[in-house]
């Protein structure tokens, strides 16, 4: 019988089952193998599955594709990251539609404390190039990981600037790891594998079809602390990524441009409609995301004597004690609690005036 990884790979090939339904199944059964071994009556009762999708699962026999994919990842030393893997990018777990399986080739911790996504037009101006390079240079002191889509234009500029400033950089791809698109970025991608990595949810032999790019954009938006839009028109992938980041309750920043410049029209639109924070320098990101090292807050023990805390609330408090303030994504990652339990604990602590919320989805002890 196929092993657990083979079952995880096989989930990719089941007809009529997308990321949302797959996550529902994994949340219910925990293991991929148990999904395939489940009875029809069990599957049909799961909300979001029903009779049609249950039949698709039970009638699936095409494990040859999964076996072929297994040989591919083993041959090229690619790391499959299942959604419950300890190395899976946990910021994605706060999104409603995270990929259940990712393919990763690289050496960077995908759960490191500072990750930002930098995106923009493929047809950048000199202005766009200059502010991208300056932004990343100014952020280099904070050792942030730079995420982008390895496309022409701002994406490639961001990756190259990260490498130049000795930062790790991750490329999120819209195809399998057996090819590189655009082909002109093959050398850049090889360097990124050594100083960051490449990640995709698409199995090998998946072509960079047009509809794959919006799908991959949700990974770029979801796996970071914030999305920075450097330069973009009113339409395109950068606008989609910004909208997705907003939908995931992530901070979005945008550099303003001339009102007559079509390449800045998207950024100006995001700022005007309160979908992005106006950005002029790296310092504003650092302040909002609270990346500056600050002295630990001294907690008065007397406060804790008069407040009864649940086990989950104590976990949150212990994390908050380590810093002056902590971002919601870091609380989710370090607590090992699901996002709903973290949210409930935060609410109770706020009601008891134990913690307060700050701009940028940050929290601190009162």
Protein backbone atom coordinates (compact mmCIF):
# COMPACT_ATOMS: atom_id res chain seq x y z
CA UNK A 1 0.00 0.00 0.00
CA UNK A 2 1.19 3.57 -0.64
CA UNK A 3 2.88 5.33 2.27
CA UNK A 4 1.60 8.56 3.84
CA UNK A 5 3.56 10.88 1.52
CA UNK A 6 2.16 9.07 -1.51
CA UNK A 7 -1.36 9.62 -0.17
CA UNK A 8 -0.57 13.29 0.40
CA UNK A 9 0.61 13.60 -3.20
CA UNK A 10 -2.45 11.73 -4.43
CA UNK A 11 -4.75 14.37 -2.91
CA UNK A 12 -3.48 16.72 -5.64
CA UNK A 13 -4.96 14.55 -8.37
CA UNK A 14 -8.49 13.88 -7.07
CA UNK A 15 -11.07 15.46 -9.42
CA UNK A 16 -13.49 18.07 -7.94
CA UNK A 17 -11.42 18.49 -4.77
CA UNK A 18 -9.75 21.91 -4.32
CA UNK A 19 -7.62 23.40 -1.52
CA UNK A 20 -10.58 24.41 0.65
CA UNK A 21 -12.19 20.95 0.52
CA UNK A 22 -8.84 19.23 1.02
CA UNK A 23 -8.15 21.31 4.13
CA UNK A 24 -11.60 20.39 5.50
CA UNK A 25 -10.77 16.71 4.97
CA UNK A 26 -7.33 17.01 6.58
CA UNK A 27 -8.78 18.88 9.57
CA UNK A 28 -11.27 16.04 10.00
CA UNK A 29 -9.04 12.99 9.41
CA UNK A 30 -5.57 14.49 10.16
CA UNK A 31 -3.82 11.98 7.88
CA UNK A 32 -4.11 11.80 4.10
CA UNK A 33 -4.20 8.01 4.18
CA UNK A 34 -7.28 8.04 6.42
CA UNK A 35 -9.13 10.16 3.86
CA UNK A 36 -8.76 7.46 1.22
CA UNK A 37 -9.67 4.73 3.70
CA UNK A 38 -12.81 6.47 4.98
CA UNK A 39 -16.29 5.11 4.36
CA UNK A 40 -18.71 6.87 2.04
CA UNK A 41 -21.07 7.62 4.93
CA UNK A 42 -18.23 9.33 6.83
CA UNK A 43 -17.23 11.50 3.90
CA UNK A 44 -20.76 12.54 2.96
CA UNK A 45 -21.44 13.87 6.45
CA UNK A 46 -18.49 16.29 6.34
CA UNK A 47 -19.62 19.83 5.60
CA UNK A 48 -18.41 20.95 2.18
CA UNK A 49 -17.87 17.42 0.84
CA UNK A 50 -21.21 15.76 0.14
CA UNK A 51 -22.04 12.85 -2.13
CA UNK A 52 -20.33 13.98 -5.36
CA UNK A 53 -16.96 14.76 -3.79
CA UNK A 54 -17.14 11.64 -1.64
CA UNK A 55 -17.52 9.57 -4.82
CA UNK A 56 -14.51 11.31 -6.38
CA UNK A 57 -12.38 10.33 -3.40
CA UNK A 58 -13.57 6.75 -3.14
CA UNK A 59 -13.33 6.09 -6.89
CA UNK A 60 -9.80 7.48 -7.17
CA UNK A 61 -7.31 4.79 -8.22
CA UNK A 62 -4.76 6.77 -10.25
CA UNK A 63 -1.87 6.47 -7.83
CA UNK A 64 0.56 6.23 -10.77
CA UNK A 65 0.68 10.03 -11.00
CA UNK A 66 1.42 10.29 -7.29
CA UNK A 67 4.17 7.67 -7.57
CA UNK A 68 5.70 9.58 -10.50
CA UNK A 69 5.65 12.77 -8.43
CA UNK A 70 7.25 10.95 -5.50
CA UNK A 71 10.13 9.84 -7.73
CA UNK A 72 10.52 13.43 -8.95
CA UNK A 73 10.76 15.01 -5.48
CA UNK A 74 13.18 12.33 -4.31
CA UNK A 75 15.42 12.66 -7.38
CA UNK A 76 15.70 16.44 -7.18
CA UNK A 77 15.72 16.63 -3.37
CA UNK A 78 12.55 18.69 -3.16
CA UNK A 79 10.87 19.00 0.21
CA UNK A 80 7.11 18.34 0.24
CA UNK A 81 5.45 20.34 3.02
CA UNK A 82 2.07 18.96 4.07
CA UNK A 83 -0.23 21.34 5.90
CA UNK A 84 0.44 19.74 9.29
CA UNK A 85 4.22 19.58 8.78
CA UNK A 86 6.20 21.53 11.39
CA UNK A 87 8.08 23.38 8.62
CA UNK A 88 4.98 24.38 6.67
CA UNK A 89 4.69 28.22 6.47
CA UNK A 90 2.29 28.70 9.36
CA UNK A 91 1.23 32.21 8.39
CA UNK A 92 -0.71 30.52 5.58
CA UNK A 93 -2.82 28.69 8.16
CA UNK A 94 -4.58 31.99 8.89
CA UNK A 95 -5.89 32.04 5.30
CA UNK A 96 -9.17 30.31 4.49
CA UNK A 97 -7.73 28.55 1.41
CA UNK A 98 -4.13 27.51 2.19
CA UNK A 99 -2.43 24.95 -0.06
CA UNK A 100 -2.53 21.57 1.64
CA UNK A 101 0.74 20.51 0.03
CA UNK A 102 3.68 22.70 -1.01
CA UNK A 103 6.85 21.78 -2.89
CA UNK A 104 9.92 23.59 -1.56
CA UNK A 105 13.54 23.71 -2.65
CA UNK A 106 15.71 25.92 -0.49
CA UNK A 107 17.27 26.44 2.91
CA UNK A 108 15.33 29.29 4.54
CA UNK A 109 13.07 28.94 7.57
CA UNK A 110 9.60 29.69 6.21
CA UNK A 111 8.46 30.59 9.73
CA UNK A 112 11.16 33.11 10.53
CA UNK A 113 10.05 36.22 12.39
CA UNK A 114 10.29 38.81 9.58
CA UNK A 115 8.93 38.06 6.11
CA UNK A 116 7.63 40.61 3.60
CA UNK A 117 6.30 40.30 0.06
CA UNK A 118 7.49 42.88 -2.48
CA UNK A 119 5.62 43.03 -5.79
CA UNK A 120 4.95 45.28 -8.74
CA UNK A 121 4.66 45.69 -12.47
CA UNK A 122 6.63 43.68 -15.02
CA UNK A 123 7.29 46.91 -16.96
CA UNK A 124 8.85 49.00 -14.23
CA UNK A 125 10.21 52.52 -14.55
CA UNK A 126 13.57 53.75 -13.24
CA UNK A 127 11.63 55.18 -10.30
CA UNK A 128 10.22 51.73 -9.46
CA UNK A 129 13.66 50.13 -9.67
CA UNK A 130 15.26 52.77 -7.47
CA UNK A 131 12.70 52.65 -4.67
CA UNK A 132 12.67 48.83 -4.67
CA UNK A 133 16.43 48.66 -4.30
CA UNK A 134 16.50 51.39 -1.64
CA UNK A 135 13.65 49.75 0.32
CA UNK A 136 15.40 46.40 0.50
CA UNK A 137 18.78 47.93 1.27
CA UNK A 138 17.25 49.86 4.18
CA UNK A 139 15.53 46.71 5.45
CA UNK A 140 18.70 44.61 5.28
CA UNK A 141 19.69 45.49 8.84
CA UNK A 142 16.54 43.69 10.06
CA UNK A 143 17.43 40.46 8.23
CA UNK A 144 13.99 40.21 6.65
CA UNK A 145 13.15 37.46 4.17
CA UNK A 146 11.98 38.92 0.84
CA UNK A 147 9.19 37.09 -1.01
CA UNK A 148 8.16 37.76 -4.60
CA UNK A 149 7.01 35.98 -7.76
CA UNK A 150 10.25 35.75 -9.79
CA UNK A 151 8.59 37.55 -12.70
CA UNK A 152 10.15 40.24 -14.86
CA UNK A 153 10.22 43.76 -13.47
CA UNK A 154 9.81 44.58 -9.78
CA UNK A 155 9.78 40.91 -8.73
CA UNK A 156 13.22 40.20 -10.19
CA UNK A 157 14.57 43.52 -8.94
CA UNK A 158 13.41 42.65 -5.40
CA UNK A 159 15.03 39.20 -5.52
CA UNK A 160 18.31 40.58 -6.88
CA UNK A 161 18.37 43.41 -4.34
CA UNK A 162 17.83 40.91 -1.53
CA UNK A 163 20.74 38.77 -2.71
CA UNK A 164 22.95 41.85 -3.12
CA UNK A 165 22.21 42.86 0.48
CA UNK A 166 22.76 39.33 1.85
CA UNK A 167 19.08 38.71 2.54
CA UNK A 168 17.26 35.42 2.01
CA UNK A 169 14.66 35.57 -0.76
CA UNK A 170 11.82 33.22 -1.73
CA UNK A 171 10.29 32.90 -5.19
CA UNK A 172 6.66 31.75 -5.34
CA UNK A 173 6.08 29.96 -8.64
CA UNK A 174 3.01 29.40 -10.81
CA UNK A 175 4.30 26.08 -12.18
CA UNK A 176 6.14 22.94 -11.15
CA UNK A 177 9.75 22.85 -10.01
CA UNK A 178 10.82 20.90 -13.10
CA UNK A 179 11.01 24.13 -15.14
CA UNK A 180 11.67 27.82 -14.76
CA UNK A 181 9.50 30.64 -16.06
CA UNK A 182 10.61 32.99 -17.35
CA UNK A 183 13.55 30.97 -18.63
CA UNK A 184 15.77 34.06 -18.44
CA UNK A 185 15.62 33.82 -14.64
CA UNK A 186 17.12 30.33 -14.44
CA UNK A 187 20.47 31.57 -13.10
CA UNK A 188 18.73 33.86 -10.61
CA UNK A 189 16.56 30.97 -9.41
CA UNK A 190 19.62 28.76 -8.86
CA UNK A 191 21.21 31.47 -6.71
CA UNK A 192 17.98 31.88 -4.76
CA UNK A 193 17.90 28.16 -3.92
CA UNK A 194 21.24 28.67 -2.16
CA UNK A 195 20.14 31.88 -0.40
CA UNK A 196 16.42 31.42 0.14
CA UNK A 197 14.35 29.11 -1.98
CA UNK A 198 11.62 28.37 -4.49
CA UNK A 199 8.14 27.26 -3.47
CA UNK A 200 5.03 26.17 -5.35
CA UNK A 201 1.84 24.20 -4.84
CA UNK A 202 1.95 22.87 -8.40
CA UNK A 203 3.31 19.43 -9.12
CA UNK A 204 5.91 18.76 -11.82
CA UNK A 205 4.85 19.06 -15.47
CA UNK A 206 2.48 21.89 -14.55
CA UNK A 207 2.89 24.64 -17.13
CA UNK A 208 2.85 28.35 -16.18
CA UNK A 209 -0.68 28.79 -17.52
CA UNK A 210 -2.36 32.15 -17.09
CA UNK A 211 -4.89 30.93 -14.50
CA UNK A 212 -2.10 29.62 -12.23
CA UNK A 213 -0.75 33.08 -11.42
CA UNK A 214 -3.72 34.37 -9.36
CA UNK A 215 -3.64 31.02 -7.55
CA UNK A 216 0.04 31.39 -6.64
CA UNK A 217 -0.50 35.04 -5.62
CA UNK A 218 -2.45 33.94 -2.54
CA UNK A 219 0.66 32.14 -1.29
CA UNK A 220 2.79 35.26 -1.70
CA UNK A 221 0.13 37.30 0.10
CA UNK A 222 -0.46 34.76 2.87
CA UNK A 223 3.03 33.61 3.83
CA UNK A 224 4.37 37.05 4.80
CA UNK A 225 3.75 39.71 7.44
CA UNK A 226 2.95 42.42 4.90
CA UNK A 227 2.73 43.06 1.16
CA UNK A 228 4.51 46.05 -0.36
CA UNK A 229 3.30 47.21 -3.78
CA UNK A 230 6.04 49.25 -5.42
CA UNK A 231 4.62 50.19 -8.81
CA UNK A 232 1.60 48.81 -10.68
CA UNK A 233 -1.19 49.69 -13.04
CA UNK A 234 -4.86 49.33 -12.21
CA UNK A 235 -4.96 45.74 -13.46
CA UNK A 236 -2.66 42.78 -13.04
CA UNK A 237 -1.22 40.33 -10.59
CA UNK A 238 0.01 42.90 -8.09
CA UNK A 239 -3.50 44.27 -7.61
CA UNK A 240 -4.83 40.74 -7.16
CA UNK A 241 -2.15 40.01 -4.56
CA UNK A 242 -2.93 43.24 -2.69
CA UNK A 243 -6.63 42.39 -2.60
CA UNK A 244 -5.84 38.88 -1.36
CA UNK A 245 -3.57 40.26 1.38
CA UNK A 246 -6.36 42.57 2.51
CA UNK A 247 -8.75 39.61 2.55
CA UNK A 248 -6.30 37.74 4.79
CA UNK A 249 -6.12 40.74 7.17
CA UNK A 250 -2.50 41.38 6.25
CA UNK A 251 -0.97 44.83 6.15
CA UNK A 252 -0.58 46.26 2.64
CA UNK A 253 1.76 49.16 1.80
CA UNK A 254 2.04 51.06 -1.47
CA UNK A 255 4.42 53.68 -2.80
CA UNK A 256 2.57 56.65 -4.30
CA UNK A 257 3.37 57.94 -7.78
CA UNK A 258 2.44 60.72 -10.17
CA UNK A 259 -1.28 60.92 -10.91
CA UNK A 260 -0.41 61.02 -14.61
CA UNK A 261 1.73 57.88 -14.45
CA UNK A 262 -0.18 54.75 -15.51
CA UNK A 263 2.43 52.57 -13.78
CA UNK A 264 1.53 54.14 -10.43
CA UNK A 265 -2.24 54.17 -10.97
CA UNK A 266 -2.73 50.93 -9.04
CA UNK A 267 -0.72 52.09 -6.04
CA UNK A 268 -2.54 55.43 -5.97
CA UNK A 269 -5.88 53.61 -6.17
CA UNK A 270 -5.01 51.31 -3.25
CA UNK A 271 -3.95 54.28 -1.09
CA UNK A 272 -6.95 56.42 -2.06
CA UNK A 273 -9.40 53.62 -1.22
CA UNK A 274 -7.76 52.74 2.11
CA UNK A 275 -6.60 49.39 0.80
CA UNK A 276 -2.95 50.20 1.36
CA UNK A 277 -0.90 52.33 3.73
CA UNK A 278 1.00 55.11 1.98
CA UNK A 279 4.68 54.25 2.08
CA UNK A 280 7.65 56.55 1.55
CA UNK A 281 10.50 54.79 3.38
CA UNK A 282 11.43 51.50 5.03
CA UNK A 283 11.22 53.03 8.49
CA UNK A 284 7.43 53.15 8.23
CA UNK A 285 7.27 49.38 7.72
CA UNK A 286 9.63 48.81 10.64
CA UNK A 287 7.51 50.97 12.93
CA UNK A 288 4.16 49.49 11.96
CA UNK A 289 5.37 45.89 12.13
CA UNK A 290 7.32 46.73 15.31
CA UNK A 291 10.61 45.32 14.09
CA UNK A 292 12.71 47.66 16.20
CA UNK A 293 14.35 45.89 19.12
CA UNK A 294 12.86 47.28 22.31
CA UNK A 295 13.45 46.52 25.96
CA UNK A 296 11.20 43.91 27.46
CA UNK A 297 8.25 45.21 29.37
CA UNK A 298 8.38 44.57 33.06
CA UNK A 299 5.22 42.79 34.14
CA UNK A 300 3.86 43.38 37.58
CA UNK A 301 3.19 40.01 39.18
CA UNK A 302 0.42 41.50 41.32
CA UNK A 303 -1.82 41.81 38.24
CA UNK A 304 -1.71 38.07 37.62
CA UNK A 305 -2.73 37.31 41.22
CA UNK A 306 -6.16 38.85 40.71
CA UNK A 307 -6.96 37.44 37.27
CA UNK A 308 -7.79 33.84 36.49
CA UNK A 309 -6.32 32.88 33.13
CA UNK A 310 -7.18 29.83 31.05
CA UNK A 311 -4.41 27.55 29.81
CA UNK A 312 -4.58 29.13 26.34
CA UNK A 313 -4.54 32.66 27.76
CA UNK A 314 -1.43 31.83 29.80
CA UNK A 315 0.29 30.67 26.60
CA UNK A 316 -0.52 34.01 24.92
CA UNK A 317 0.69 36.00 27.94
CA UNK A 318 3.97 34.05 28.11
CA UNK A 319 4.65 34.89 24.45
CA UNK A 320 3.81 38.57 24.99
CA UNK A 321 6.21 38.73 27.94
CA UNK A 322 9.12 38.06 25.60
CA UNK A 323 8.71 41.33 23.65
CA UNK A 324 7.26 44.78 24.03
CA UNK A 325 4.60 43.83 21.46
CA UNK A 326 3.89 40.85 19.21
CA UNK A 327 2.17 40.50 15.81
CA UNK A 328 -0.91 38.27 15.53
CA UNK A 329 0.87 35.92 13.10
CA UNK A 330 3.70 35.38 15.59
CA UNK A 331 1.14 34.57 18.32
CA UNK A 332 -0.45 31.98 16.02
CA UNK A 333 2.91 30.42 15.17
CA UNK A 334 4.48 30.35 18.64
CA UNK A 335 1.35 29.30 20.54
CA UNK A 336 0.71 26.18 18.40
CA UNK A 337 -3.00 26.98 18.81
CA UNK A 338 -5.39 27.29 15.90
CA UNK A 339 -6.32 30.83 14.86
CA UNK A 340 -9.81 30.69 16.40
CA UNK A 341 -8.44 29.75 19.84
CA UNK A 342 -5.86 32.54 19.63
CA UNK A 343 -8.57 35.04 18.65
CA UNK A 344 -10.82 33.95 21.54
CA UNK A 345 -7.95 34.18 24.04
CA UNK A 346 -6.97 37.64 22.80
CA UNK A 347 -10.54 38.86 23.09
CA UNK A 348 -10.88 37.62 26.68
CA UNK A 349 -7.55 39.16 27.66
CA UNK A 350 -8.55 42.49 26.12
CA UNK A 351 -11.88 42.43 27.99
CA UNK A 352 -9.99 41.86 31.25
CA UNK A 353 -7.64 44.76 30.39
CA UNK A 354 -4.66 42.42 30.49
CA UNK A 355 -3.53 43.22 26.95
CA UNK A 356 -4.18 45.98 24.44
CA UNK A 357 -4.20 46.01 20.64
CA UNK A 358 -1.90 48.27 18.65
CA UNK A 359 -1.91 49.37 15.00
CA UNK A 360 -0.74 46.74 12.53
CA UNK A 361 -2.35 43.80 14.35
CA UNK A 362 0.14 44.01 17.21
CA UNK A 363 -0.63 43.21 20.86
CA UNK A 364 1.09 44.04 24.13
CA UNK A 365 0.55 43.53 27.83
CA UNK A 366 -1.02 46.53 29.55
